[in-house]
Amino acid sequence: MAATSDAMDALDELADPEFWSQAGVVFGGFMAPTVVRNLVEPNTTYDIPDELYGGAVVVGAQYSPAYKREIMLGGGLYAVDKAAERWNIKQHISEAGN
């Protein structure tokens, strides 16, 4: 019966609006570095590594009155994702299944 109880707890989490709010904020934190990059790079002569935009969102999240941790997670995920692209880790993982 413990497995059934655990499954029901997991389904309860999916029905929780706060969970979806947090997931949406993490996604916003993940997308924010792209917005920052699109605002900065066309207006400057610098070619800043994409990972730094994720770091900027993590730093900027410190000033958020709510959902600070979720914004930080989104920005951090962006930075790690871009680093994985730069070092071809994502490509190697994609090829591992073939």
N, C-alpha and C. Protein backbone atom coordinates (compact mmCIF):
# COMPACT_ATOMS: atom_id res chain seq x y z
N MET A 1 0.81 -1.20 0.00
CA MET A 1 0.00 0.00 0.00
C MET A 1 0.85 1.26 0.00
N ALA A 2 2.11 1.15 0.43
CA ALA A 2 2.96 2.34 0.48
C ALA A 2 3.20 2.90 -0.92
N ALA A 3 3.33 2.01 -1.90
CA ALA A 3 3.54 2.47 -3.27
C ALA A 3 2.33 3.25 -3.78
N THR A 4 1.15 2.80 -3.43
CA THR A 4 -0.07 3.49 -3.84
C THR A 4 -0.14 4.86 -3.19
N SER A 5 0.24 4.92 -1.93
CA SER A 5 0.23 6.20 -1.21
C SER A 5 1.24 7.17 -1.83
N ASP A 6 2.41 6.66 -2.18
CA ASP A 6 3.43 7.51 -2.81
C ASP A 6 2.95 8.03 -4.16
N ALA A 7 2.28 7.17 -4.92
CA ALA A 7 1.76 7.58 -6.22
C ALA A 7 0.70 8.66 -6.06
N MET A 8 -0.14 8.52 -5.07
CA MET A 8 -1.18 9.52 -4.83
C MET A 8 -0.55 10.85 -4.39
N ASP A 9 0.50 10.78 -3.58
CA ASP A 9 1.19 12.01 -3.18
C ASP A 9 1.79 12.72 -4.39
N ALA A 10 2.34 11.95 -5.33
CA ALA A 10 2.92 12.53 -6.54
C ALA A 10 1.83 13.19 -7.38
N LEU A 11 0.67 12.55 -7.48
CA LEU A 11 -0.43 13.14 -8.24
C LEU A 11 -0.95 14.40 -7.56
N ASP A 12 -0.96 14.40 -6.24
CA ASP A 12 -1.36 15.61 -5.52
C ASP A 12 -0.44 16.77 -5.83
N GLU A 13 0.84 16.48 -5.95
CA GLU A 13 1.81 17.53 -6.28
C GLU A 13 1.52 18.12 -7.66
N LEU A 14 1.14 17.28 -8.61
CA LEU A 14 0.82 17.78 -9.95
C LEU A 14 -0.42 18.66 -9.95
N ALA A 15 -1.30 18.48 -9.00
CA ALA A 15 -2.52 19.28 -8.92
C ALA A 15 -2.33 20.55 -8.10
N ASP A 16 -1.16 20.73 -7.52
CA ASP A 16 -0.90 21.88 -6.65
C ASP A 16 -0.55 23.11 -7.49
N PRO A 17 -1.36 24.17 -7.42
CA PRO A 17 -1.07 25.38 -8.21
C PRO A 17 0.26 26.04 -7.84
N GLU A 18 0.68 25.92 -6.60
CA GLU A 18 1.96 26.52 -6.19
C GLU A 18 3.13 25.84 -6.91
N PHE A 19 3.03 24.53 -7.11
CA PHE A 19 4.06 23.82 -7.87
C PHE A 19 4.18 24.39 -9.27
N TRP A 20 3.06 24.61 -9.94
CA TRP A 20 3.08 25.12 -11.30
C TRP A 20 3.55 26.58 -11.34
N SER A 21 3.26 27.33 -10.29
CA SER A 21 3.79 28.70 -10.20
C SER A 21 5.31 28.67 -10.12
N GLN A 22 5.83 27.79 -9.28
CA GLN A 22 7.27 27.68 -9.14
C GLN A 22 7.91 27.20 -10.44
N ALA A 23 7.30 26.23 -11.10
CA ALA A 23 7.84 25.73 -12.37
C ALA A 23 7.85 26.84 -13.43
N GLY A 24 6.80 27.65 -13.45
CA GLY A 24 6.74 28.77 -14.40
C GLY A 24 7.82 29.80 -14.13
N VAL A 25 8.11 30.06 -12.86
CA VAL A 25 9.15 31.03 -12.52
C VAL A 25 10.53 30.48 -12.89
N VAL A 26 10.76 29.18 -12.68
CA VAL A 26 12.02 28.58 -13.10
C VAL A 26 12.18 28.72 -14.61
N PHE A 27 11.11 28.48 -15.35
CA PHE A 27 11.15 28.63 -16.81
C PHE A 27 11.45 30.08 -17.18
N GLY A 28 10.82 31.02 -16.49
CA GLY A 28 11.10 32.44 -16.73
C GLY A 28 12.55 32.78 -16.46
N GLY A 29 13.10 32.21 -15.38
CA GLY A 29 14.52 32.41 -15.08
C GLY A 29 15.42 31.80 -16.12
N PHE A 30 14.96 30.72 -16.75
CA PHE A 30 15.72 30.07 -17.82
C PHE A 30 15.68 30.91 -19.10
N MET A 31 14.56 31.57 -19.36
CA MET A 31 14.41 32.37 -20.58
C MET A 31 14.99 33.78 -20.44
N ALA A 32 15.08 34.29 -19.22
CA ALA A 32 15.55 35.66 -19.00
C ALA A 32 16.94 35.94 -19.57
N PRO A 33 17.92 35.02 -19.47
CA PRO A 33 19.23 35.32 -20.06
C PRO A 33 19.17 35.55 -21.57
N THR A 34 18.27 34.87 -22.26
CA THR A 34 18.11 35.09 -23.70
C THR A 34 17.62 36.50 -23.97
N VAL A 35 16.69 36.97 -23.16
CA VAL A 35 16.18 38.33 -23.31
C VAL A 35 17.30 39.34 -23.04
N VAL A 36 18.07 39.11 -21.98
CA VAL A 36 19.17 40.01 -21.65
C VAL A 36 20.19 40.02 -22.78
N ARG A 37 20.53 38.84 -23.30
CA ARG A 37 21.50 38.77 -24.40
C ARG A 37 21.00 39.53 -25.62
N ASN A 38 19.71 39.38 -25.93
CA ASN A 38 19.15 40.06 -27.09
C ASN A 38 19.08 41.58 -26.91
N LEU A 39 19.08 42.04 -25.69
CA LEU A 39 19.11 43.48 -25.42
C LEU A 39 20.53 44.03 -25.42
N VAL A 40 21.49 43.24 -24.94
CA VAL A 40 22.86 43.73 -24.77
C VAL A 40 23.68 43.62 -26.05
N GLU A 41 23.72 42.46 -26.65
CA GLU A 41 24.66 42.22 -27.75
C GLU A 41 24.44 43.09 -28.99
N PRO A 42 23.21 43.36 -29.41
CA PRO A 42 23.08 44.23 -30.58
C PRO A 42 23.52 45.67 -30.32
N ASN A 43 23.55 46.07 -29.07
CA ASN A 43 23.87 47.45 -28.73
C ASN A 43 25.30 47.65 -28.26
N THR A 44 26.11 46.60 -28.29
CA THR A 44 27.51 46.71 -27.89
C THR A 44 28.38 46.00 -28.92
N THR A 45 29.67 46.19 -28.81
CA THR A 45 30.61 45.50 -29.70
C THR A 45 31.17 44.24 -29.05
N TYR A 46 30.72 43.92 -27.84
CA TYR A 46 31.24 42.78 -27.11
C TYR A 46 30.53 41.49 -27.49
N ASP A 47 31.26 40.39 -27.49
CA ASP A 47 30.69 39.06 -27.67
C ASP A 47 30.86 38.33 -26.34
N ILE A 48 29.89 38.47 -25.49
CA ILE A 48 29.94 37.92 -24.14
C ILE A 48 29.52 36.46 -24.18
N PRO A 49 30.25 35.57 -23.50
CA PRO A 49 29.84 34.16 -23.46
C PRO A 49 28.43 34.01 -22.87
N ASP A 50 27.64 33.14 -23.47
CA ASP A 50 26.25 32.97 -23.05
C ASP A 50 26.12 32.55 -21.59
N GLU A 51 27.10 31.81 -21.08
CA GLU A 51 27.04 31.37 -19.69
C GLU A 51 26.98 32.55 -18.72
N LEU A 52 27.61 33.65 -19.09
CA LEU A 52 27.63 34.82 -18.21
C LEU A 52 26.25 35.47 -18.09
N TYR A 53 25.43 35.34 -19.12
CA TYR A 53 24.07 35.87 -19.02
C TYR A 53 23.26 35.09 -17.99
N GLY A 54 23.47 33.78 -17.95
CA GLY A 54 22.83 32.98 -16.91
C GLY A 54 23.31 33.38 -15.53
N GLY A 55 24.61 33.64 -15.42
CA GLY A 55 25.16 34.11 -14.14
C GLY A 55 24.59 35.45 -13.75
N ALA A 56 24.37 36.33 -14.73
CA ALA A 56 23.78 37.64 -14.43
C ALA A 56 22.37 37.49 -13.88
N VAL A 57 21.61 36.53 -14.40
CA VAL A 57 20.26 36.30 -13.88
C VAL A 57 20.32 35.76 -12.46
N VAL A 58 21.28 34.89 -12.18
CA VAL A 58 21.45 34.37 -10.82
C VAL A 58 21.75 35.51 -9.86
N VAL A 59 22.64 36.41 -10.25
CA VAL A 59 22.97 37.56 -9.41
C VAL A 59 21.77 38.49 -9.28
N GLY A 60 21.10 38.76 -10.38
CA GLY A 60 19.93 39.63 -10.35
C GLY A 60 18.79 39.07 -9.52
N ALA A 61 18.71 37.76 -9.42
CA ALA A 61 17.65 37.13 -8.62
C ALA A 61 17.74 37.50 -7.15
N GLN A 62 18.90 37.93 -6.71
CA GLN A 62 19.06 38.32 -5.31
C GLN A 62 18.20 39.52 -4.94
N TYR A 63 17.78 40.27 -5.93
CA TYR A 63 16.97 41.45 -5.69
C TYR A 63 15.47 41.18 -5.85
N SER A 64 15.12 39.95 -6.12
CA SER A 64 13.71 39.60 -6.29
C SER A 64 13.02 39.49 -4.93
N PRO A 65 11.85 40.09 -4.79
CA PRO A 65 11.15 39.99 -3.51
C PRO A 65 10.50 38.62 -3.27
N ALA A 66 10.27 37.87 -4.34
CA ALA A 66 9.65 36.55 -4.22
C ALA A 66 10.27 35.61 -5.24
N TYR A 67 10.22 34.33 -4.97
CA TYR A 67 10.70 33.29 -5.88
C TYR A 67 12.18 33.45 -6.22
N LYS A 68 12.96 33.95 -5.29
CA LYS A 68 14.40 34.17 -5.52
C LYS A 68 15.09 32.87 -5.93
N ARG A 69 14.82 31.81 -5.19
CA ARG A 69 15.48 30.52 -5.44
C ARG A 69 15.13 29.98 -6.83
N GLU A 70 13.88 30.10 -7.22
CA GLU A 70 13.43 29.58 -8.51
C GLU A 70 14.08 30.33 -9.68
N ILE A 71 14.19 31.65 -9.54
CA ILE A 71 14.84 32.45 -10.58
C ILE A 71 16.31 32.07 -10.69
N MET A 72 16.95 31.88 -9.54
CA MET A 72 18.34 31.45 -9.53
C MET A 72 18.51 30.09 -10.22
N LEU A 73 17.59 29.17 -9.96
CA LEU A 73 17.66 27.85 -10.60
C LEU A 73 17.53 27.97 -12.12
N GLY A 74 16.62 28.81 -12.58
CA GLY A 74 16.45 29.00 -14.02
C GLY A 74 17.69 29.58 -14.67
N GLY A 75 18.26 30.62 -14.06
CA GLY A 75 19.49 31.22 -14.61
C GLY A 75 20.66 30.25 -14.56
N GLY A 76 20.76 29.50 -13.47
CA GLY A 76 21.82 28.51 -13.36
C GLY A 76 21.68 27.40 -14.39
N LEU A 77 20.45 26.97 -14.61
CA LEU A 77 20.19 25.94 -15.62
C LEU A 77 20.59 26.44 -17.01
N TYR A 78 20.29 27.70 -17.29
CA TYR A 78 20.68 28.28 -18.58
C TYR A 78 22.21 28.26 -18.73
N ALA A 79 22.92 28.66 -17.69
CA ALA A 79 24.38 28.70 -17.75
C ALA A 79 24.96 27.30 -17.96
N VAL A 80 24.44 26.32 -17.26
CA VAL A 80 24.92 24.95 -17.40
C VAL A 80 24.57 24.40 -18.79
N ASP A 81 23.38 24.72 -19.28
CA ASP A 81 22.97 24.28 -20.61
C ASP A 81 23.90 24.84 -21.69
N LYS A 82 24.22 26.12 -21.59
CA LYS A 82 25.10 26.73 -22.58
C LYS A 82 26.52 26.19 -22.47
N ALA A 83 26.97 25.90 -21.26
CA ALA A 83 28.30 25.29 -21.09
C ALA A 83 28.32 23.89 -21.70
N ALA A 84 27.24 23.14 -21.53
CA ALA A 84 27.16 21.80 -22.12
C ALA A 84 27.17 21.88 -23.64
N GLU A 85 26.55 22.89 -24.21
CA GLU A 85 26.61 23.08 -25.67
C GLU A 85 28.02 23.45 -26.10
N ARG A 86 28.67 24.34 -25.35
CA ARG A 86 30.01 24.80 -25.72
C ARG A 86 31.02 23.65 -25.72
N TRP A 87 30.89 22.75 -24.74
CA TRP A 87 31.84 21.64 -24.61
C TRP A 87 31.35 20.37 -25.31
N ASN A 88 30.31 20.49 -26.14
CA ASN A 88 29.75 19.37 -26.91
C ASN A 88 29.25 18.22 -26.06
N ILE A 89 28.95 18.47 -24.81
CA ILE A 89 28.42 17.42 -23.93
C ILE A 89 27.04 16.99 -24.40
N LYS A 90 26.22 17.94 -24.79
CA LYS A 90 24.87 17.63 -25.25
C LYS A 90 24.91 16.76 -26.51
N GLN A 91 25.84 17.06 -27.40
CA GLN A 91 25.96 16.28 -28.63
C GLN A 91 26.39 14.86 -28.31
N HIS A 92 27.33 14.69 -27.39
CA HIS A 92 27.79 13.35 -27.03
C HIS A 92 26.67 12.54 -26.38
N ILE A 93 25.85 13.19 -25.57
CA ILE A 93 24.73 12.48 -24.94
C ILE A 93 23.71 12.08 -26.00
N SER A 94 23.45 12.96 -26.95
CA SER A 94 22.51 12.64 -28.02
C SER A 94 23.00 11.46 -28.86
N GLU A 95 24.28 11.40 -29.08
CA GLU A 95 24.85 10.33 -29.89
C GLU A 95 24.95 9.01 -29.14
N ALA A 96 24.91 9.06 -27.82
CA ALA A 96 25.07 7.85 -27.01
C ALA A 96 23.95 6.84 -27.26
N GLY A 97 22.77 7.33 -27.57
CA GLY A 97 21.64 6.43 -27.80
C GLY A 97 21.60 5.85 -29.20
N ASN A 98 22.43 6.33 -30.09
CA ASN A 98 22.41 5.84 -31.48
C ASN A 98 23.37 4.71 -31.70
